[in-house]
Amino acid sequence: MVLGTKAMEVKWLERVEFGQPEQQRESSLKYQTRSVACYPDGRGYALGSVEGRVAMEVVDLQPEAQAGKYAFKCHRRVEEGKGEVVHPVHAITYHHGHGTFATGGGDGIRQV
């Protein structure tokens, strides 16, 4: 289980029980976490934020594994007279059979 907190922390729990999480780290995103989803294989998680960005994180703390994490922008569009309008990422979900994922944003659009 992965928890995103209002204090910009992410907590990874291997098993649900009272006590300390297996891992606790600062979010790699600059702004508040809005959505969280675990990879289907359990090796990592995706964080969606209010800034229209998704971070793909890995649980393994080895430098080789950490090199595989990345972030990208989504749920944005340019509007005349306003410039770039950014929408939060409200949902992230995985398709277990195909290994793909989709995000749902405050702009009412889903992106695969």
PDB file of N, CA and C in Angstrom:
ATOM      1  N   MET A   1       0.854  -1.164   0.000  1.00  0.00           N
ATOM      2  CA  MET A   1       0.000   0.000   0.000  1.00  0.00           C
ATOM      3  C   MET A   1       0.904   1.232   0.000  1.00  0.00           C
ATOM      4  N   VAL A   2       0.512   2.232  -0.749  1.00  0.00           N
ATOM      5  CA  VAL A   2       1.245   3.492  -0.805  1.00  0.00           C
ATOM      6  C   VAL A   2       0.315   4.601  -0.333  1.00  0.00           C
ATOM      7  N   LEU A   3       0.832   5.451   0.529  1.00  0.00           N
ATOM      8  CA  LEU A   3       0.059   6.581   1.037  1.00  0.00           C
ATOM      9  C   LEU A   3       0.765   7.877   0.685  1.00  0.00           C
ATOM     10  N   GLY A   4       0.042   8.825   0.140  1.00  0.00           N
ATOM     11  CA  GLY A   4       0.571  10.171  -0.094  1.00  0.00           C
ATOM     12  C   GLY A   4      -0.009  11.074   0.976  1.00  0.00           C
ATOM     13  N   THR A   5       0.843  11.807   1.680  1.00  0.00           N
ATOM     14  CA  THR A   5       0.373  12.639   2.786  1.00  0.00           C
ATOM     15  C   THR A   5       0.350  14.111   2.416  1.00  0.00           C
ATOM     16  N   LYS A   6      -0.372  14.898   3.197  1.00  0.00           N
ATOM     17  CA  LYS A   6      -0.433  16.337   2.951  1.00  0.00           C
ATOM     18  C   LYS A   6       0.894  17.019   3.256  1.00  0.00           C
ATOM     19  N   ALA A   7       1.779  16.328   3.971  1.00  0.00           N
ATOM     20  CA  ALA A   7       3.094  16.875   4.304  1.00  0.00           C
ATOM     21  C   ALA A   7       4.124  16.565   3.212  1.00  0.00           C
ATOM     22  N   MET A   8       3.633  16.222   1.986  1.00  0.00           N
ATOM     23  CA  MET A   8       4.500  15.940   0.843  1.00  0.00           C
ATOM     24  C   MET A   8       5.397  14.730   1.079  1.00  0.00           C
ATOM     25  N   GLU A   9       4.905  13.747   1.821  1.00  0.00           N
ATOM     26  CA  GLU A   9       5.632  12.513   2.056  1.00  0.00           C
ATOM     27  C   GLU A   9       4.888  11.365   1.391  1.00  0.00           C
ATOM     28  N   VAL A  10       5.630  10.310   1.102  1.00  0.00           N
ATOM     29  CA  VAL A  10       5.055   9.081   0.561  1.00  0.00           C
ATOM     30  C   VAL A  10       5.467   7.959   1.495  1.00  0.00           C
ATOM     31  N   LYS A  11       4.502   7.143   1.920  1.00  0.00           N
ATOM     32  CA  LYS A  11       4.780   6.029   2.820  1.00  0.00           C
ATOM     33  C   LYS A  11       4.410   4.726   2.125  1.00  0.00           C
ATOM     34  N   TRP A  12       5.357   3.774   2.126  1.00  0.00           N
ATOM     35  CA  TRP A  12       5.169   2.473   1.497  1.00  0.00           C
ATOM     36  C   TRP A  12       5.011   1.442   2.600  1.00  0.00           C
ATOM     37  N   LEU A  13       3.900   0.707   2.592  1.00  0.00           N
ATOM     38  CA  LEU A  13       3.643  -0.325   3.585  1.00  0.00           C
ATOM     39  C   LEU A  13       3.569  -1.671   2.888  1.00  0.00           C
ATOM     40  N   GLU A  14       4.426  -2.607   3.305  1.00  0.00           N
ATOM     41  CA  GLU A  14       4.412  -3.959   2.733  1.00  0.00           C
ATOM     42  C   GLU A  14       3.187  -4.725   3.210  1.00  0.00           C
ATOM     43  N   ARG A  15       2.859  -4.575   4.464  1.00  0.00           N
ATOM     44  CA  ARG A  15       1.691  -5.250   5.029  1.00  0.00           C
ATOM     45  C   ARG A  15       0.952  -4.249   5.902  1.00  0.00           C
ATOM     46  N   VAL A  16      -0.332  -4.390   5.924  1.00  0.00           N
ATOM     47  CA  VAL A  16      -1.150  -3.454   6.685  1.00  0.00           C
ATOM     48  C   VAL A  16      -1.159  -3.879   8.151  1.00  0.00           C
ATOM     49  N   GLU A  17      -0.482  -3.110   8.964  1.00  0.00           N
ATOM     50  CA  GLU A  17      -0.466  -3.322  10.405  1.00  0.00           C
ATOM     51  C   GLU A  17      -0.067  -2.001  11.049  1.00  0.00           C
ATOM     52  N   PHE A  18      -0.369  -1.869  12.286  1.00  0.00           N
ATOM     53  CA  PHE A  18      -0.014  -0.643  12.979  1.00  0.00           C
ATOM     54  C   PHE A  18       1.489  -0.598  13.199  1.00  0.00           C
ATOM     55  N   GLY A  19       2.053   0.558  13.113  1.00  0.00           N
ATOM     56  CA  GLY A  19       3.490   0.709  13.304  1.00  0.00           C
ATOM     57  C   GLY A  19       4.097   1.563  12.219  1.00  0.00           C
ATOM     58  N   GLN A  20       5.371   1.346  12.002  1.00  0.00           N
ATOM     59  CA  GLN A  20       6.133   2.146  11.057  1.00  0.00           C
ATOM     60  C   GLN A  20       6.020   1.594   9.637  1.00  0.00           C
ATOM     61  N   PRO A  21       6.012   2.477   8.635  1.00  0.00           N
ATOM     62  CA  PRO A  21       6.009   2.016   7.244  1.00  0.00           C
ATOM     63  C   PRO A  21       7.364   1.420   6.881  1.00  0.00           C
ATOM     64  N   GLU A  22       7.386   0.576   5.849  1.00  0.00           N
ATOM     65  CA  GLU A  22       8.637  -0.013   5.356  1.00  0.00           C
ATOM     66  C   GLU A  22       9.565   1.080   4.831  1.00  0.00           C
ATOM     67  N   GLN A  23       8.984   2.058   4.140  1.00  0.00           N
ATOM     68  CA  GLN A  23       9.738   3.194   3.614  1.00  0.00           C
ATOM     69  C   GLN A  23       8.934   4.460   3.796  1.00  0.00           C
ATOM     70  N   GLN A  24       9.645   5.544   3.985  1.00  0.00           N
ATOM     71  CA  GLN A  24       9.026   6.858   4.028  1.00  0.00           C
ATOM     72  C   GLN A  24       9.990   7.815   3.352  1.00  0.00           C
ATOM     73  N   ARG A  25       9.495   8.541   2.360  1.00  0.00           N
ATOM     74  CA  ARG A  25      10.364   9.479   1.642  1.00  0.00           C
ATOM     75  C   ARG A  25       9.578  10.709   1.221  1.00  0.00           C
ATOM     76  N   GLU A  26      10.319  11.734   0.886  1.00  0.00           N
ATOM     77  CA  GLU A  26       9.703  12.965   0.407  1.00  0.00           C
ATOM     78  C   GLU A  26       9.230  12.753  -1.026  1.00  0.00           C
ATOM     79  N   SER A  27       8.095  13.327  -1.359  1.00  0.00           N
ATOM     80  CA  SER A  27       7.567  13.221  -2.714  1.00  0.00           C
ATOM     81  C   SER A  27       8.528  13.873  -3.694  1.00  0.00           C
ATOM     82  N   SER A  28       8.672  13.287  -4.865  1.00  0.00           N
ATOM     83  CA  SER A  28       9.532  13.874  -5.897  1.00  0.00           C
ATOM     84  C   SER A  28       8.811  14.992  -6.653  1.00  0.00           C
ATOM     85  N   LEU A  29       7.527  15.168  -6.386  1.00  0.00           N
ATOM     86  CA  LEU A  29       6.753  16.237  -7.022  1.00  0.00           C
ATOM     87  C   LEU A  29       6.794  17.498  -6.162  1.00  0.00           C
ATOM     88  N   LYS A  30       6.729  18.641  -6.803  1.00  0.00           N
ATOM     89  CA  LYS A  30       6.829  19.915  -6.090  1.00  0.00           C
ATOM     90  C   LYS A  30       5.562  20.284  -5.337  1.00  0.00           C
ATOM     91  N   TYR A  31       4.408  19.807  -5.846  1.00  0.00           N
ATOM     92  CA  TYR A  31       3.132  20.212  -5.271  1.00  0.00           C
ATOM     93  C   TYR A  31       2.372  19.016  -4.705  1.00  0.00           C
ATOM     94  N   GLN A  32       1.267  19.284  -4.075  1.00  0.00           N
ATOM     95  CA  GLN A  32       0.473  18.285  -3.365  1.00  0.00           C
ATOM     96  C   GLN A  32       0.114  17.065  -4.220  1.00  0.00           C
ATOM     97  N   THR A  33       0.250  15.886  -3.612  1.00  0.00           N
ATOM     98  CA  THR A  33      -0.147  14.631  -4.257  1.00  0.00           C
ATOM     99  C   THR A  33      -1.663  14.555  -4.289  1.00  0.00           C
ATOM    100  N   ARG A  34      -2.190  14.185  -5.444  1.00  0.00           N
ATOM    101  CA  ARG A  34      -3.645  14.092  -5.619  1.00  0.00           C
ATOM    102  C   ARG A  34      -4.094  12.657  -5.831  1.00  0.00           C
ATOM    103  N   SER A  35      -3.227  11.813  -6.408  1.00  0.00           N
ATOM    104  CA  SER A  35      -3.588  10.421  -6.673  1.00  0.00           C
ATOM    105  C   SER A  35      -2.355   9.534  -6.587  1.00  0.00           C
ATOM    106  N   VAL A  36      -2.586   8.266  -6.220  1.00  0.00           N
ATOM    107  CA  VAL A  36      -1.510   7.286  -6.064  1.00  0.00           C
ATOM    108  C   VAL A  36      -2.003   5.949  -6.598  1.00  0.00           C
ATOM    109  N   ALA A  37      -1.132   5.221  -7.298  1.00  0.00           N
ATOM    110  CA  ALA A  37      -1.466   3.871  -7.767  1.00  0.00           C
ATOM    111  C   ALA A  37      -0.201   3.017  -7.769  1.00  0.00           C
ATOM    112  N   CYS A  38      -0.297   1.801  -7.255  1.00  0.00           N
ATOM    113  CA  CYS A  38       0.838   0.872  -7.247  1.00  0.00           C
ATOM    114  C   CYS A  38       0.997   0.210  -8.604  1.00  0.00           C
ATOM    115  N   TYR A  39       2.252  -0.039  -9.007  1.00  0.00           N
ATOM    116  CA  TYR A  39       2.509  -0.812 -10.224  1.00  0.00           C
ATOM    117  C   TYR A  39       1.869  -2.191 -10.047  1.00  0.00           C
ATOM    118  N   PRO A  40       1.389  -2.799 -11.111  1.00  0.00           N
ATOM    119  CA  PRO A  40       0.790  -4.130 -10.993  1.00  0.00           C
ATOM    120  C   PRO A  40       1.739  -5.173 -10.409  1.00  0.00           C
ATOM    121  N   ASP A  41       3.053  -5.033 -10.660  1.00  0.00           N
ATOM    122  CA  ASP A  41       4.016  -6.007 -10.129  1.00  0.00           C
ATOM    123  C   ASP A  41       4.500  -5.655  -8.724  1.00  0.00           C
ATOM    124  N   GLY A  42       4.037  -4.536  -8.169  1.00  0.00           N
ATOM    125  CA  GLY A  42       4.398  -4.150  -6.808  1.00  0.00           C
ATOM    126  C   GLY A  42       5.785  -3.554  -6.654  1.00  0.00           C
ATOM    127  N   ARG A  43       6.476  -3.296  -7.740  1.00  0.00           N
ATOM    128  CA  ARG A  43       7.841  -2.770  -7.664  1.00  0.00           C
ATOM    129  C   ARG A  43       7.919  -1.257  -7.542  1.00  0.00           C
ATOM    130  N   GLY A  44       6.793  -0.583  -7.654  1.00  0.00           N
ATOM    131  CA  GLY A  44       6.811   0.869  -7.583  1.00  0.00           C
ATOM    132  C   GLY A  44       5.409   1.430  -7.556  1.00  0.00           C
ATOM    133  N   TYR A  45       5.319   2.727  -7.794  1.00  0.00           N
ATOM    134  CA  TYR A  45       4.028   3.407  -7.751  1.00  0.00           C
ATOM    135  C   TYR A  45       4.083   4.675  -8.589  1.00  0.00           C
ATOM    136  N   ALA A  46       2.912   5.156  -8.944  1.00  0.00           N
ATOM    137  CA  ALA A  46       2.782   6.412  -9.683  1.00  0.00           C
ATOM    138  C   ALA A  46       2.101   7.426  -8.783  1.00  0.00           C
ATOM    139  N   LEU A  47       2.591   8.643  -8.795  1.00  0.00           N
ATOM    140  CA  LEU A  47       2.009   9.750  -8.034  1.00  0.00           C
ATOM    141  C   LEU A  47       1.485  10.789  -9.005  1.00  0.00           C
ATOM    142  N   GLY A  48       0.256  11.229  -8.826  1.00  0.00           N
ATOM    143  CA  GLY A  48      -0.296  12.310  -9.628  1.00  0.00           C
ATOM    144  C   GLY A  48      -0.450  13.538  -8.750  1.00  0.00           C
ATOM    145  N   SER A  49      -0.228  14.711  -9.302  1.00  0.00           N
ATOM    146  CA  SER A  49      -0.266  15.918  -8.476  1.00  0.00           C
ATOM    147  C   SER A  49      -1.252  16.955  -8.993  1.00  0.00           C
ATOM    148  N   VAL A  50      -1.450  17.975  -8.178  1.00  0.00           N
ATOM    149  CA  VAL A  50      -2.335  19.077  -8.547  1.00  0.00           C
ATOM    150  C   VAL A  50      -1.726  19.941  -9.645  1.00  0.00           C
ATOM    151  N   GLU A  51      -0.438  19.757  -9.937  1.00  0.00           N
ATOM    152  CA  GLU A  51       0.251  20.544 -10.963  1.00  0.00           C
ATOM    153  C   GLU A  51       0.229  19.888 -12.337  1.00  0.00           C
ATOM    154  N   GLY A  52      -0.595  18.841 -12.533  1.00  0.00           N
ATOM    155  CA  GLY A  52      -0.675  18.179 -13.825  1.00  0.00           C
ATOM    156  C   GLY A  52       0.576  17.427 -14.187  1.00  0.00           C
ATOM    157  N   ARG A  53       1.123  16.723 -13.233  1.00  0.00           N
ATOM    158  CA  ARG A  53       2.364  15.979 -13.432  1.00  0.00           C
ATOM    159  C   ARG A  53       2.220  14.600 -12.786  1.00  0.00           C
ATOM    160  N   VAL A  54       2.860  13.595 -13.368  1.00  0.00           N
ATOM    161  CA  VAL A  54       2.879  12.243 -12.811  1.00  0.00           C
ATOM    162  C   VAL A  54       4.327  11.821 -12.620  1.00  0.00           C
ATOM    163  N   ALA A  55       4.630  11.262 -11.453  1.00  0.00           N
ATOM    164  CA  ALA A  55       5.964  10.727 -11.169  1.00  0.00           C
ATOM    165  C   ALA A  55       5.866   9.217 -11.056  1.00  0.00           C
ATOM    166  N   MET A  56       6.738   8.520 -11.768  1.00  0.00           N
ATOM    167  CA  MET A  56       6.816   7.069 -11.709  1.00  0.00           C
ATOM    168  C   MET A  56       7.992   6.735 -10.799  1.00  0.00           C
ATOM    169  N   GLU A  57       7.704   6.145  -9.655  1.00  0.00           N
ATOM    170  CA  GLU A  57       8.710   5.861  -8.627  1.00  0.00           C
ATOM    171  C   GLU A  57       8.920   4.374  -8.467  1.00  0.00           C
ATOM    172  N   VAL A  58      10.102   3.971  -8.001  1.00  0.00           N
ATOM    173  CA  VAL A  58      10.393   2.573  -7.700  1.00  0.00           C
ATOM    174  C   VAL A  58      10.670   2.430  -6.207  1.00  0.00           C
ATOM    175  N   VAL A  59      10.341   1.266  -5.665  1.00  0.00           N
ATOM    176  CA  VAL A  59      10.501   1.024  -4.238  1.00  0.00           C
ATOM    177  C   VAL A  59      11.939   0.656  -3.887  1.00  0.00           C
ATOM    178  N   ASP A  60      12.586  -0.118  -4.752  1.00  0.00           N
ATOM    179  CA  ASP A  60      13.964  -0.554  -4.523  1.00  0.00           C
ATOM    180  C   ASP A  60      14.871   0.670  -4.414  1.00  0.00           C
ATOM    181  N   LEU A  61      15.635   0.756  -3.330  1.00  0.00           N
ATOM    182  CA  LEU A  61      16.488   1.927  -3.097  1.00  0.00           C
ATOM    183  C   LEU A  61      17.871   1.834  -3.742  1.00  0.00           C
ATOM    184  N   GLN A  62      18.169   0.727  -4.415  1.00  0.00           N
ATOM    185  CA  GLN A  62      19.471   0.589  -5.086  1.00  0.00           C
ATOM    186  C   GLN A  62      19.585   1.628  -6.199  1.00  0.00           C
ATOM    187  N   PRO A  63      20.769   2.235  -6.370  1.00  0.00           N
ATOM    188  CA  PRO A  63      20.944   3.276  -7.395  1.00  0.00           C
ATOM    189  C   PRO A  63      20.541   2.836  -8.802  1.00  0.00           C
ATOM    190  N   GLU A  64      20.786   1.563  -9.158  1.00  0.00           N
ATOM    191  CA  GLU A  64      20.426   1.079 -10.486  1.00  0.00           C
ATOM    192  C   GLU A  64      18.910   1.130 -10.678  1.00  0.00           C
ATOM    193  N   ALA A  65      18.176   0.760  -9.648  1.00  0.00           N
ATOM    194  CA  ALA A  65      16.709   0.777  -9.724  1.00  0.00           C
ATOM    195  C   ALA A  65      16.189   2.213  -9.721  1.00  0.00           C
ATOM    196  N   GLN A  66      16.766   3.069  -8.903  1.00  0.00           N
ATOM    197  CA  GLN A  66      16.332   4.459  -8.803  1.00  0.00           C
ATOM    198  C   GLN A  66      16.551   5.222 -10.105  1.00  0.00           C
ATOM    199  N   ALA A  67      17.493   4.761 -10.928  1.00  0.00           N
ATOM    200  CA  ALA A  67      17.739   5.409 -12.219  1.00  0.00           C
ATOM    201  C   ALA A  67      16.543   5.260 -13.158  1.00  0.00           C
ATOM    202  N   GLY A  68      15.642   4.325 -12.863  1.00  0.00           N
ATOM    203  CA  GLY A  68      14.484   4.088 -13.717  1.00  0.00           C
ATOM    204  C   GLY A  68      13.278   4.951 -13.414  1.00  0.00           C
ATOM    205  N   LYS A  69      13.372   5.813 -12.428  1.00  0.00           N
ATOM    206  CA  LYS A  69      12.206   6.653 -12.122  1.00  0.00           C
ATOM    207  C   LYS A  69      12.213   7.902 -13.001  1.00  0.00           C
ATOM    208  N   TYR A  70      11.011   8.424 -13.254  1.00  0.00           N
ATOM    209  CA  TYR A  70      10.883   9.606 -14.110  1.00  0.00           C
ATOM    210  C   TYR A  70       9.558  10.301 -13.818  1.00  0.00           C
ATOM    211  N   ALA A  71       9.380  11.489 -14.382  1.00  0.00           N
ATOM    212  CA  ALA A  71       8.132  12.250 -14.239  1.00  0.00           C
ATOM    213  C   ALA A  71       7.794  12.865 -15.588  1.00  0.00           C
ATOM    214  N   PHE A  72       6.514  13.140 -15.799  1.00  0.00           N
ATOM    215  CA  PHE A  72       6.085  13.762 -17.038  1.00  0.00           C
ATOM    216  C   PHE A  72       4.876  14.659 -16.784  1.00  0.00           C
ATOM    217  N   LYS A  73       4.679  15.607 -17.703  1.00  0.00           N
ATOM    218  CA  LYS A  73       3.548  16.535 -17.633  1.00  0.00           C
ATOM    219  C   LYS A  73       2.366  15.955 -18.399  1.00  0.00           C
ATOM    220  N   CYS A  74       1.158  16.211 -17.909  1.00  0.00           N
ATOM    221  CA  CYS A  74      -0.053  15.791 -18.609  1.00  0.00           C
ATOM    222  C   CYS A  74      -1.212  16.688 -18.177  1.00  0.00           C
ATOM    223  N   HIS A  75      -2.351  16.537 -18.814  1.00  0.00           N
ATOM    224  CA  HIS A  75      -3.563  17.299 -18.503  1.00  0.00           C
ATOM    225  C   HIS A  75      -3.308  18.811 -18.528  1.00  0.00           C
ATOM    226  N   ARG A  76      -2.743  19.220 -19.651  1.00  0.00           N
ATOM    227  CA  ARG A  76      -2.456  20.639 -19.901  1.00  0.00           C
ATOM    228  C   ARG A  76      -2.933  20.989 -21.297  1.00  0.00           C
ATOM    229  N   ARG A  77      -3.278  22.229 -21.484  1.00  0.00           N
ATOM    230  CA  ARG A  77      -3.609  22.714 -22.820  1.00  0.00           C
ATOM    231  C   ARG A  77      -3.389  24.223 -22.860  1.00  0.00           C
ATOM    232  N   VAL A  78      -3.157  24.713 -24.049  1.00  0.00           N
ATOM    233  CA  VAL A  78      -2.955  26.147 -24.250  1.00  0.00           C
ATOM    234  C   VAL A  78      -4.290  26.746 -24.670  1.00  0.00           C
ATOM    235  N   GLU A  79      -4.707  27.767 -23.940  1.00  0.00           N
ATOM    236  CA  GLU A  79      -5.953  28.464 -24.258  1.00  0.00           C
ATOM    237  C   GLU A  79      -5.637  29.903 -24.634  1.00  0.00           C
ATOM    238  N   GLU A  80      -6.300  30.368 -25.660  1.00  0.00           N
ATOM    239  CA  GLU A  80      -6.069  31.718 -26.155  1.00  0.00           C
ATOM    240  C   GLU A  80      -6.356  32.735 -25.051  1.00  0.00           C
ATOM    241  N   GLY A  81      -5.431  33.624 -24.832  1.00  0.00           N
ATOM    242  CA  GLY A  81      -5.580  34.669 -23.826  1.00  0.00           C
ATOM    243  C   GLY A  81      -5.208  34.238 -22.421  1.00  0.00           C
ATOM    244  N   LYS A  82      -5.048  32.931 -22.185  1.00  0.00           N
ATOM    245  CA  LYS A  82      -4.706  32.421 -20.843  1.00  0.00           C
ATOM    246  C   LYS A  82      -3.346  31.752 -20.805  1.00  0.00           C
ATOM    247  N   GLY A  83      -2.828  31.351 -21.940  1.00  0.00           N
ATOM    248  CA  GLY A  83      -1.579  30.589 -21.969  1.00  0.00           C
ATOM    249  C   GLY A  83      -1.842  29.135 -21.616  1.00  0.00           C
ATOM    250  N   GLU A  84      -0.882  28.515 -20.966  1.00  0.00           N
ATOM    251  CA  GLU A  84      -1.030  27.105 -20.595  1.00  0.00           C
ATOM    252  C   GLU A  84      -1.903  26.964 -19.351  1.00  0.00           C
ATOM    253  N   VAL A  85      -2.947  26.167 -19.463  1.00  0.00           N
ATOM    254  CA  VAL A  85      -3.846  25.886 -18.340  1.00  0.00           C
ATOM    255  C   VAL A  85      -3.526  24.483 -17.852  1.00  0.00           C
ATOM    256  N   VAL A  86      -3.250  24.361 -16.557  1.00  0.00           N
ATOM    257  CA  VAL A  86      -2.844  23.090 -15.962  1.00  0.00           C
ATOM    258  C   VAL A  86      -3.978  22.549 -15.097  1.00  0.00           C
ATOM    259  N   HIS A  87      -4.275  21.248 -15.248  1.00  0.00           N
ATOM    260  CA  HIS A  87      -5.329  20.590 -14.469  1.00  0.00           C
ATOM    261  C   HIS A  87      -4.714  19.510 -13.592  1.00  0.00           C
ATOM    262  N   PRO A  88      -5.275  19.257 -12.411  1.00  0.00           N
ATOM    263  CA  PRO A  88      -4.746  18.214 -11.529  1.00  0.00           C
ATOM    264  C   PRO A  88      -4.992  16.815 -12.090  1.00  0.00           C
ATOM    265  N   VAL A  89      -4.156  15.871 -11.665  1.00  0.00           N
ATOM    266  CA  VAL A  89      -4.317  14.463 -12.018  1.00  0.00           C
ATOM    267  C   VAL A  89      -5.127  13.823 -10.888  1.00  0.00           C
ATOM    268  N   HIS A  90      -6.411  13.556 -11.146  1.00  0.00           N
ATOM    269  CA  HIS A  90      -7.309  13.029 -10.119  1.00  0.00           C
ATOM    270  C   HIS A  90      -7.243  11.522  -9.963  1.00  0.00           C
ATOM    271  N   ALA A  91      -6.838  10.798 -11.011  1.00  0.00           N
ATOM    272  CA  ALA A  91      -6.859   9.337 -10.944  1.00  0.00           C
ATOM    273  C   ALA A  91      -5.766   8.734 -11.810  1.00  0.00           C
ATOM    274  N   ILE A  92      -5.231   7.611 -11.340  1.00  0.00           N
ATOM    275  CA  ILE A  92      -4.270   6.811 -12.098  1.00  0.00           C
ATOM    276  C   ILE A  92      -4.708   5.362 -11.942  1.00  0.00           C
ATOM    277  N   THR A  93      -4.750   4.630 -13.042  1.00  0.00           N
ATOM    278  CA  THR A  93      -5.120   3.210 -12.966  1.00  0.00           C
ATOM    279  C   THR A  93      -4.306   2.417 -13.976  1.00  0.00           C
ATOM    280  N   TYR A  94      -4.084   1.147 -13.656  1.00  0.00           N
ATOM    281  CA  TYR A  94      -3.305   0.249 -14.508  1.00  0.00           C
ATOM    282  C   TYR A  94      -4.188  -0.817 -15.128  1.00  0.00           C
ATOM    283  N   HIS A  95      -3.816  -1.243 -16.340  1.00  0.00           N
ATOM    284  CA  HIS A  95      -4.440  -2.402 -16.968  1.00  0.00           C
ATOM    285  C   HIS A  95      -3.459  -3.553 -16.736  1.00  0.00           C
ATOM    286  N   HIS A  96      -3.842  -4.494 -15.900  1.00  0.00           N
ATOM    287  CA  HIS A  96      -2.931  -5.565 -15.497  1.00  0.00           C
ATOM    288  C   HIS A  96      -2.551  -6.496 -16.652  1.00  0.00           C
ATOM    289  N   GLY A  97      -3.430  -6.683 -17.607  1.00  0.00           N
ATOM    290  CA  GLY A  97      -3.140  -7.577 -18.725  1.00  0.00           C
ATOM    291  C   GLY A  97      -2.168  -7.008 -19.735  1.00  0.00           C
ATOM    292  N   HIS A  98      -2.264  -5.711 -20.011  1.00  0.00           N
ATOM    293  CA  HIS A  98      -1.426  -5.084 -21.035  1.00  0.00           C
ATOM    294  C   HIS A  98      -0.238  -4.311 -20.473  1.00  0.00           C
ATOM    295  N   GLY A  99      -0.224  -4.071 -19.163  1.00  0.00           N
ATOM    296  CA  GLY A  99       0.882  -3.327 -18.568  1.00  0.00           C
ATOM    297  C   GLY A  99       0.859  -1.843 -18.877  1.00  0.00           C
ATOM    298  N   THR A 100      -0.288  -1.320 -19.264  1.00  0.00           N
ATOM    299  CA  THR A 100      -0.424   0.100 -19.563  1.00  0.00           C
ATOM    300  C   THR A 100      -1.136   0.798 -18.411  1.00  0.00           C
ATOM    301  N   PHE A 101      -1.110   2.117 -18.441  1.00  0.00           N
ATOM    302  CA  PHE A 101      -1.836   2.865 -17.425  1.00  0.00           C
ATOM    303  C   PHE A 101      -2.521   4.060 -18.050  1.00  0.00           C
ATOM    304  N   ALA A 102      -3.473   4.608 -17.310  1.00  0.00           N
ATOM    305  CA  ALA A 102      -4.204   5.786 -17.775  1.00  0.00           C
ATOM    306  C   ALA A 102      -4.336   6.759 -16.614  1.00  0.00           C
ATOM    307  N   THR A 103      -4.442   8.035 -16.955  1.00  0.00           N
ATOM    308  CA  THR A 103      -4.675   9.061 -15.939  1.00  0.00           C
ATOM    309  C   THR A 103      -5.980   9.784 -16.265  1.00  0.00           C
ATOM    310  N   GLY A 104      -6.617  10.276 -15.243  1.00  0.00           N
ATOM    311  CA  GLY A 104      -7.823  11.086 -15.397  1.00  0.00           C
ATOM    312  C   GLY A 104      -7.556  12.430 -14.757  1.00  0.00           C
ATOM    313  N   GLY A 105      -7.860  13.505 -15.458  1.00  0.00           N
ATOM    314  CA  GLY A 105      -7.539  14.835 -14.954  1.00  0.00           C
ATOM    315  C   GLY A 105      -8.730  15.716 -14.727  1.00  0.00           C
ATOM    316  N   GLY A 106      -8.479  16.848 -14.104  1.00  0.00           N
ATOM    317  CA  GLY A 106      -9.493  17.833 -13.830  1.00  0.00           C
ATOM    318  C   GLY A 106     -10.047  18.496 -15.083  1.00  0.00           C
ATOM    319  N   ASP A 107      -9.427  18.227 -16.224  1.00  0.00           N
ATOM    320  CA  ASP A 107      -9.913  18.748 -17.499  1.00  0.00           C
ATOM    321  C   ASP A 107     -10.982  17.846 -18.096  1.00  0.00           C
ATOM    322  N   GLY A 108     -11.349  16.748 -17.388  1.00  0.00           N
ATOM    323  CA  GLY A 108     -12.372  15.837 -17.872  1.00  0.00           C
ATOM    324  C   GLY A 108     -11.875  14.880 -18.940  1.00  0.00           C
ATOM    325  N   ILE A 109     -10.562  14.794 -19.119  1.00  0.00           N
ATOM    326  CA  ILE A 109      -9.984  13.950 -20.157  1.00  0.00           C
ATOM    327  C   ILE A 109      -9.190  12.827 -19.511  1.00  0.00           C
ATOM    328  N   ARG A 110      -9.255  11.643 -20.130  1.00  0.00           N
ATOM    329  CA  ARG A 110      -8.399  10.541 -19.677  1.00  0.00           C
ATOM    330  C   ARG A 110      -7.281  10.380 -20.706  1.00  0.00           C
ATOM    331  N   GLN A 111      -6.099  10.116 -20.233  1.00  0.00           N
ATOM    332  CA  GLN A 111      -4.948   9.945 -21.125  1.00  0.00           C
ATOM    333  C   GLN A 111      -4.342   8.580 -20.885  1.00  0.00           C
ATOM    334  N   VAL A 112      -4.093   7.859 -21.973  1.00  0.00           N
ATOM    335  CA  VAL A 112      -3.525   6.505 -21.889  1.00  0.00           C
ATOM    336  C   VAL A 112      -2.088   6.548 -22.382  1.00  0.00           C
TER     337      VAL A 112
END
